[in-house]
Structure formats: structure tokens, C-alpha cells
N, C-alpha and C. Protein backbone atom coordinates (compact mmCIF):
# COMPACT_ATOMS: atom_id res chain seq x y z
N MET A 1 0.90 -1.26 0.00
CA MET A 1 0.05 0.20 -0.05
C MET A 1 1.13 1.22 0.08
N ASP A 2 1.80 1.43 0.97
CA ASP A 2 2.94 2.49 0.95
C ASP A 2 3.39 2.84 -0.53
N GLU A 3 3.65 1.92 -1.01
CA GLU A 3 4.46 1.99 -2.51
C GLU A 3 3.22 2.76 -3.44
N SER A 4 2.10 2.21 -3.27
CA SER A 4 1.15 2.67 -4.20
C SER A 4 0.73 4.03 -4.07
N ILE A 5 0.66 4.37 -2.76
CA ILE A 5 0.33 5.92 -2.27
C ILE A 5 1.53 6.91 -2.99
N GLU A 6 2.98 6.15 -2.74
CA GLU A 6 3.84 7.04 -3.04
C GLU A 6 3.93 7.29 -4.40
N LEU A 7 3.38 6.38 -5.40
CA LEU A 7 3.39 6.31 -7.03
C LEU A 7 2.39 7.50 -7.28
N LEU A 8 1.28 7.83 -6.26
CA LEU A 8 0.35 8.72 -6.56
C LEU A 8 0.59 10.11 -6.39
N PHE A 9 1.72 10.41 -5.71
CA PHE A 9 2.04 11.59 -5.25
C PHE A 9 2.38 12.57 -6.27
N PRO A 10 3.02 12.15 -7.42
CA PRO A 10 3.13 13.23 -8.30
C PRO A 10 1.96 13.41 -9.24
N ASP A 11 0.86 12.67 -9.21
CA ASP A 11 -0.41 12.84 -9.80
C ASP A 11 -1.24 14.00 -9.09
N LEU A 12 -1.04 13.98 -7.62
CA LEU A 12 -1.62 14.73 -6.71
C LEU A 12 -1.50 16.17 -7.05
N TYR A 13 -0.13 16.52 -7.66
CA TYR A 13 0.30 17.92 -8.17
C TYR A 13 0.34 18.12 -9.60
N GLY A 14 -0.40 17.23 -10.19
CA GLY A 14 -0.54 17.31 -11.66
C GLY A 14 -1.81 18.02 -12.25
N THR A 15 -2.10 17.56 -13.27
CA THR A 15 -3.35 18.16 -14.08
C THR A 15 -4.68 17.82 -13.29
N LEU A 16 -5.57 18.30 -13.44
CA LEU A 16 -6.83 18.33 -12.68
C LEU A 16 -7.52 16.75 -12.96
N SER A 17 -7.25 16.21 -14.08
CA SER A 17 -7.64 14.84 -14.32
C SER A 17 -6.57 13.97 -13.67
N GLU A 18 -5.35 14.27 -13.60
CA GLU A 18 -4.56 13.02 -12.85
C GLU A 18 -4.71 13.25 -11.57
N LYS A 19 -5.12 14.46 -10.66
CA LYS A 19 -5.62 14.53 -9.36
C LYS A 19 -6.80 13.69 -9.13
N VAL A 20 -7.71 13.97 -9.99
CA VAL A 20 -9.08 13.17 -9.72
C VAL A 20 -9.11 11.75 -9.78
N ALA A 21 -8.04 11.08 -10.65
CA ALA A 21 -7.66 9.90 -10.83
C ALA A 21 -6.89 9.22 -9.77
N ALA A 22 -5.91 10.29 -9.29
CA ALA A 22 -5.12 9.86 -7.87
C ALA A 22 -5.83 9.49 -6.85
N VAL A 23 -6.79 10.59 -6.55
CA VAL A 23 -7.59 10.55 -5.37
C VAL A 23 -8.65 9.65 -5.53
N ALA A 24 -9.24 9.14 -6.72
CA ALA A 24 -10.33 8.20 -6.71
C ALA A 24 -9.59 6.71 -6.63
N GLN A 25 -8.00 6.63 -7.17
CA GLN A 25 -7.64 5.39 -6.69
C GLN A 25 -7.59 5.20 -5.18
N VAL A 26 -7.13 6.17 -4.56
CA VAL A 26 -7.10 6.18 -2.83
C VAL A 26 -8.42 5.71 -2.58
N ALA A 27 -9.33 6.34 -2.92
CA ALA A 27 -10.65 6.06 -2.28
C ALA A 27 -11.19 4.66 -2.62
N SER A 28 -11.06 3.99 -3.54
CA SER A 28 -11.07 2.66 -3.94
C SER A 28 -10.62 1.62 -2.82
N LEU A 29 -9.42 2.14 -2.46
CA LEU A 29 -8.78 1.36 -1.57
C LEU A 29 -9.56 1.48 0.08
N CYS A 30 -10.40 2.29 0.19
CA CYS A 30 -10.49 2.85 1.70
C CYS A 30 -11.73 1.75 2.38
N LYS A 31 -11.90 0.47 1.60
CA LYS A 31 -12.86 -0.42 2.38
C LYS A 31 -11.96 -1.46 3.58
N ASP A 32 -10.76 -1.08 3.39
CA ASP A 32 -10.18 -1.90 4.52
C ASP A 32 -9.58 -0.79 5.32
N VAL A 33 -9.77 -1.39 6.89
CA VAL A 33 -9.15 -0.54 7.70
C VAL A 33 -7.94 -0.21 8.13
N GLN A 34 -7.21 -1.48 7.72
CA GLN A 34 -5.57 -1.53 7.50
C GLN A 34 -5.14 -0.53 6.66
N VAL A 35 -5.69 -0.29 5.72
CA VAL A 35 -5.21 0.75 4.61
C VAL A 35 -5.70 2.04 5.01
N LEU A 36 -7.02 2.33 5.70
CA LEU A 36 -7.17 3.59 6.21
C LEU A 36 -6.20 4.04 7.25
N GLU A 37 -5.57 3.04 7.97
CA GLU A 37 -4.58 3.14 8.98
C GLU A 37 -3.40 3.91 8.06
N GLN A 38 -3.07 3.16 7.04
CA GLN A 38 -1.92 3.56 6.47
C GLN A 38 -1.97 4.97 5.66
N ILE A 39 -3.31 5.27 5.37
CA ILE A 39 -3.38 6.49 4.81
C ILE A 39 -3.30 7.58 6.01
N VAL A 40 -3.94 7.39 7.18
CA VAL A 40 -3.98 8.50 8.15
C VAL A 40 -2.44 8.77 8.88
N GLU A 41 -1.91 7.70 8.65
CA GLU A 41 -0.18 7.51 9.05
C GLU A 41 0.56 8.40 7.88
N HIS A 42 -0.13 8.42 6.86
CA HIS A 42 0.66 8.97 5.70
C HIS A 42 0.64 10.60 5.80
N ASN A 43 1.44 11.47 6.61
CA ASN A 43 1.04 13.01 6.70
C ASN A 43 0.91 13.66 5.61
N GLN A 44 1.93 13.39 4.34
CA GLN A 44 1.69 13.91 3.20
C GLN A 44 0.44 13.78 2.69
N LEU A 45 0.24 12.86 2.37
CA LEU A 45 -1.34 12.38 1.94
C LEU A 45 -2.31 13.32 2.61
N MET A 46 -2.45 12.97 3.79
CA MET A 46 -3.44 13.82 4.59
C MET A 46 -3.43 15.20 4.29
N SER A 47 -2.36 15.66 4.36
CA SER A 47 -2.18 17.20 4.07
C SER A 47 -2.72 17.45 2.67
N ALA A 48 -2.08 16.70 1.62
CA ALA A 48 -2.49 16.85 0.52
C ALA A 48 -4.30 16.85 0.17
N PHE A 49 -4.72 15.98 0.95
CA PHE A 49 -6.27 15.72 0.81
C PHE A 49 -6.92 17.15 1.34
N ALA A 50 -6.41 17.61 2.63
CA ALA A 50 -7.20 18.70 3.13
C ALA A 50 -6.78 20.07 2.19
N ARG A 51 -5.50 20.04 1.53
CA ARG A 51 -5.35 21.29 0.86
C ARG A 51 -6.27 21.16 -0.53
N LEU A 52 -5.94 19.97 -1.10
CA LEU A 52 -6.84 19.82 -2.33
C LEU A 52 -8.50 19.98 -2.15
N LEU A 53 -8.80 19.86 -1.00
CA LEU A 53 -10.32 19.89 -0.50
C LEU A 53 -10.57 21.52 -0.40
N GLU A 54 -9.65 22.08 0.03
CA GLU A 54 -9.90 23.43 0.24
C GLU A 54 -9.42 24.09 -0.96
N GLU A 55 -8.44 24.16 -1.54
CA GLU A 55 -8.06 24.64 -2.73
C GLU A 55 -8.70 24.64 -4.07
N ASP A 56 -8.97 23.32 -4.18
CA ASP A 56 -9.64 22.91 -5.64
C ASP A 56 -11.04 23.05 -5.59
N SER A 57 -11.53 23.66 -6.48
CA SER A 57 -13.14 24.06 -6.63
C SER A 57 -13.73 22.94 -7.44
N ASN A 58 -13.01 21.88 -7.79
CA ASN A 58 -13.70 20.89 -8.64
C ASN A 58 -14.45 20.35 -7.97
N VAL A 59 -15.92 19.99 -8.34
CA VAL A 59 -16.89 19.26 -7.50
C VAL A 59 -16.57 17.85 -7.32
N GLU A 60 -16.15 17.19 -8.47
CA GLU A 60 -15.75 15.80 -8.51
C GLU A 60 -14.55 15.49 -7.58
N MET A 61 -13.61 16.27 -7.51
CA MET A 61 -12.38 15.98 -6.70
C MET A 61 -12.91 16.42 -5.03
N SER A 62 -13.70 17.39 -4.96
CA SER A 62 -14.18 17.44 -3.41
C SER A 62 -15.18 16.35 -3.02
N PHE A 63 -15.88 15.78 -4.06
CA PHE A 63 -16.83 14.70 -3.57
C PHE A 63 -15.92 13.41 -3.22
N ILE A 64 -15.08 12.98 -4.02
CA ILE A 64 -14.18 11.84 -3.79
C ILE A 64 -13.33 12.02 -2.65
N ILE A 65 -12.59 13.06 -2.47
CA ILE A 65 -11.94 13.41 -0.94
C ILE A 65 -12.93 13.42 0.07
N SER A 66 -14.09 13.82 -0.09
CA SER A 66 -15.03 13.70 1.01
C SER A 66 -15.35 12.48 1.32
N LYS A 67 -15.52 11.53 0.44
CA LYS A 67 -15.60 10.31 0.76
C LYS A 67 -14.80 9.43 1.24
N VAL A 68 -13.26 9.72 1.08
CA VAL A 68 -12.19 9.32 1.67
C VAL A 68 -12.15 9.65 3.26
N LEU A 69 -12.40 11.06 3.51
CA LEU A 69 -12.46 11.60 4.76
C LEU A 69 -13.81 10.78 5.31
N LEU A 70 -14.76 10.61 5.02
CA LEU A 70 -15.81 9.81 5.74
C LEU A 70 -15.42 8.66 6.14
N ALA A 71 -14.75 8.04 5.29
CA ALA A 71 -14.15 6.46 5.60
C ALA A 71 -13.20 6.57 6.77
N ILE A 72 -12.35 7.55 6.66
CA ILE A 72 -11.57 7.78 7.93
C ILE A 72 -12.46 8.16 9.28
N SER A 73 -13.25 9.13 9.18
CA SER A 73 -13.91 9.45 10.12
C SER A 73 -14.86 8.37 10.89
N LYS A 74 -15.27 7.44 10.24
CA LYS A 74 -15.90 6.34 10.82
C LYS A 74 -15.32 5.51 11.79
N VAL A 75 -13.81 5.60 11.78
CA VAL A 75 -13.02 4.82 12.72
C VAL A 75 -12.45 5.95 14.04
N ALA A 76 -13.02 5.76 15.06
CA ALA A 76 -12.80 6.54 16.19
C ALA A 76 -11.38 7.11 16.65
N ASP A 77 -10.46 5.95 16.36
CA ASP A 77 -9.12 6.13 16.69
C ASP A 77 -8.51 7.16 15.67
N PHE A 78 -9.06 7.61 14.73
CA PHE A 78 -8.48 8.38 13.62
C PHE A 78 -9.18 9.85 13.90
N HIS A 79 -9.97 10.02 14.74
CA HIS A 79 -10.63 11.46 14.88
C HIS A 79 -9.56 12.56 15.35
N GLU A 80 -8.55 12.23 16.02
CA GLU A 80 -7.86 13.21 16.36
C GLU A 80 -6.64 13.56 15.32
N ILE A 81 -6.33 12.58 14.46
CA ILE A 81 -5.53 12.81 13.19
C ILE A 81 -6.55 13.85 12.34
N LEU A 82 -7.64 13.45 12.17
CA LEU A 82 -8.55 14.65 11.34
C LEU A 82 -8.46 15.74 11.98
N ALA A 83 -8.59 16.18 13.25
CA ALA A 83 -8.49 17.29 14.00
C ALA A 83 -7.35 17.85 13.78
N ASN A 84 -6.12 17.11 13.82
CA ASN A 84 -4.73 17.71 13.67
C ASN A 84 -4.31 18.34 12.37
N HIS A 85 -5.22 17.87 11.19
CA HIS A 85 -5.14 18.21 9.75
C HIS A 85 -6.55 19.37 9.48
N ARG A 86 -7.17 19.94 10.61
CA ARG A 86 -8.22 20.73 10.47
C ARG A 86 -9.24 20.46 9.55
N VAL A 87 -9.66 19.03 9.57
CA VAL A 87 -10.78 18.59 8.16
C VAL A 87 -11.98 19.16 8.73
N GLY A 88 -12.34 19.43 9.76
CA GLY A 88 -13.55 19.81 10.01
C GLY A 88 -13.67 21.16 9.95
N ALA A 89 -12.95 22.00 10.34
CA ALA A 89 -12.90 23.74 9.85
C ALA A 89 -12.92 23.44 8.01
N THR A 90 -12.09 22.75 7.54
CA THR A 90 -11.85 22.65 6.10
C THR A 90 -13.42 22.25 5.31
N ILE A 91 -13.97 21.35 5.92
CA ILE A 91 -15.35 20.87 5.57
C ILE A 91 -16.28 22.00 5.72
N LEU A 92 -16.22 22.75 6.81
CA LEU A 92 -17.23 23.70 7.05
C LEU A 92 -16.74 24.92 5.93
N ARG A 93 -15.95 25.08 5.79
CA ARG A 93 -15.65 26.29 4.39
C ARG A 93 -15.99 25.63 3.11
N VAL A 94 -15.86 24.37 2.89
CA VAL A 94 -16.43 23.85 1.51
C VAL A 94 -17.86 23.83 1.61
N ILE A 95 -18.50 23.49 2.67
CA ILE A 95 -19.92 23.49 2.72
C ILE A 95 -20.40 25.19 2.46
N GLU A 96 -19.78 25.94 3.23
CA GLU A 96 -20.38 27.38 2.92
C GLU A 96 -19.98 27.94 1.39
N LEU A 97 -19.01 27.34 0.74
CA LEU A 97 -18.53 27.55 -0.78
C LEU A 97 -20.09 26.98 -1.58
N GLU A 98 -19.98 25.72 -1.12
CA GLU A 98 -21.12 25.21 -2.07
C GLU A 98 -22.54 25.91 -2.03
N LEU A 99 -22.71 26.23 -0.63
CA LEU A 99 -24.20 26.99 -0.66
C LEU A 99 -24.21 28.31 -1.01
N LYS A 100 -23.03 28.89 -1.44
CA LYS A 100 -22.96 29.96 -2.24
C LYS A 100 -23.37 29.85 -3.44
N ARG A 101 -22.73 28.69 -4.21
CA ARG A 101 -23.07 28.38 -5.50
C ARG A 101 -24.40 28.06 -5.55
N VAL A 102 -25.12 27.23 -4.91
CA VAL A 102 -26.41 26.80 -4.73
C VAL A 102 -27.21 28.47 -4.78
N GLY A 103 -26.93 29.18 -4.01
CA GLY A 103 -27.72 30.64 -3.96
C GLY A 103 -27.46 31.20 -5.22
N HIS A 104 -26.22 31.21 -5.65
CA HIS A 104 -26.12 31.72 -7.24
C HIS A 104 -27.00 31.20 -8.18
N ARG A 105 -26.77 29.74 -8.27
CA ARG A 105 -27.72 29.08 -9.13
C ARG A 105 -29.28 29.55 -9.09
N LEU A 106 -29.36 29.47 -7.76
CA LEU A 106 -31.21 29.71 -7.63
C LEU A 106 -31.39 31.29 -8.12
N GLU A 107 -30.52 31.95 -8.22
CA GLU A 107 -30.94 33.34 -8.64
C GLU A 107 -31.13 33.38 -10.33
N MET A 108 -30.63 32.32 -11.11
CA MET A 108 -30.49 31.95 -12.23
C MET A 108 -31.68 30.91 -12.96
N LYS A 109 -31.85 30.14 -12.10
CA LYS A 109 -32.96 29.12 -12.17
C LYS A 109 -33.59 28.60 -11.00
N SER A 110 -34.47 27.74 -11.11
CA SER A 110 -35.38 27.22 -9.75
C SER A 110 -34.78 25.96 -9.01
N GLN A 111 -33.77 25.17 -9.61
CA GLN A 111 -33.45 24.17 -9.31
C GLN A 111 -32.47 24.29 -8.07
N PRO A 112 -32.61 24.16 -6.89
CA PRO A 112 -31.60 24.62 -5.84
C PRO A 112 -30.52 23.50 -5.75
N PHE A 113 -30.70 22.18 -5.61
CA PHE A 113 -29.56 21.30 -5.34
C PHE A 113 -29.70 20.24 -6.32
N THR A 114 -28.69 19.61 -6.83
CA THR A 114 -28.52 18.99 -7.78
C THR A 114 -28.17 17.45 -6.99
N THR A 115 -28.57 16.20 -7.31
CA THR A 115 -28.54 15.05 -6.64
C THR A 115 -27.07 14.99 -5.98
N ARG A 116 -26.03 15.38 -6.74
CA ARG A 116 -24.56 15.13 -6.49
C ARG A 116 -24.28 15.89 -5.20
N GLN A 117 -25.05 17.17 -5.45
CA GLN A 117 -24.73 18.09 -4.16
C GLN A 117 -25.35 17.66 -3.08
N GLU A 118 -26.68 17.27 -3.07
CA GLU A 118 -27.32 16.47 -1.74
C GLU A 118 -26.09 15.56 -1.36
N HIS A 119 -25.74 14.59 -1.99
CA HIS A 119 -24.96 13.40 -1.63
C HIS A 119 -23.46 14.08 -0.80
N PHE A 120 -23.31 15.40 -1.67
CA PHE A 120 -21.90 15.94 -1.07
C PHE A 120 -22.09 16.46 0.21
N PHE A 121 -23.38 17.04 0.23
CA PHE A 121 -23.74 17.62 1.61
C PHE A 121 -23.75 16.54 2.72
N PHE A 122 -24.49 15.68 2.33
CA PHE A 122 -24.67 14.59 3.28
C PHE A 122 -23.37 14.02 3.69
N ILE A 123 -22.43 13.86 2.82
CA ILE A 123 -21.18 13.21 3.30
C ILE A 123 -20.53 14.15 4.01
N CYS A 124 -20.48 15.60 3.77
CA CYS A 124 -19.51 16.24 4.57
C CYS A 124 -20.20 16.51 6.06
N LEU A 125 -21.61 16.68 6.18
CA LEU A 125 -22.22 16.59 7.52
C LEU A 125 -21.87 15.26 8.22
N SER A 126 -21.91 14.26 7.66
CA SER A 126 -21.52 12.94 8.15
C SER A 126 -19.99 13.12 8.70
N ILE A 127 -19.26 13.61 8.24
CA ILE A 127 -17.92 13.68 8.67
C ILE A 127 -17.59 14.43 10.07
N LEU A 128 -18.45 15.54 10.30
CA LEU A 128 -18.72 16.43 11.25
C LEU A 128 -19.25 15.85 12.30
């Protein structure tokens, strides 16, 4: 697992499609608690996730990262690590940004939320 994470690092700093693919690859591994443990112990990866979640405005990337963070948040032993990376504060800022987008979209048309946004909000609120 550690080797596959290391191989993904250049992609986390590449083009948008490379970032999304790398994050999706990590997300696909999150079904195993041992893998989650390796992810949270990998300080650079956790920092990259927090940075990408906050800095990147791509909805797909945010959705996938939030799914990884949700899997991590389900394990009580990892809560301190999430707190150290300020994931809660980052999630709140992301929610605020998405709500502003929804408000802007409401000004233009009547549909407030897409199904994808509803799932994203659910995941983010579940992390908290």
C-alpha cells in the first residue's frame, strides 16, 4: 500500500484529471481499515487531501476526497488525526462555498440542489 501511495504523489500535483484519478484510486482502497490506517499515518497524503479539498474548486475532486475522509471519520481512533489536519474547519468552509454556489444558481434558475450536491452535503455533514 505505501508504495502505491508514493506512486500517486506526482499525480496529486499534476493536472486536474491526474489529481481526480489519483484521489479516486486512493478512495477505492478505503474499504479496508488497515489501508485507512496507512492513509492517516501518511502525513503528506492527509495534508494533500486537506489542501486539495480547500483549494480545488472541482466538485468531483471534493466529492471523492470527502468520501475518503468519511471512511476515515468512521474509525474513532482516527478522529484526532482528522482534527490535527483541521478537516472539520475545512469541511465547513467547503460547505459554505457550495451553499454560495447554490444561492447563485437559484438566482438563475429554480433548481436549488443537484443530486450530486445533496450527496456531497450528506457526506460532509456526516464527517462532522
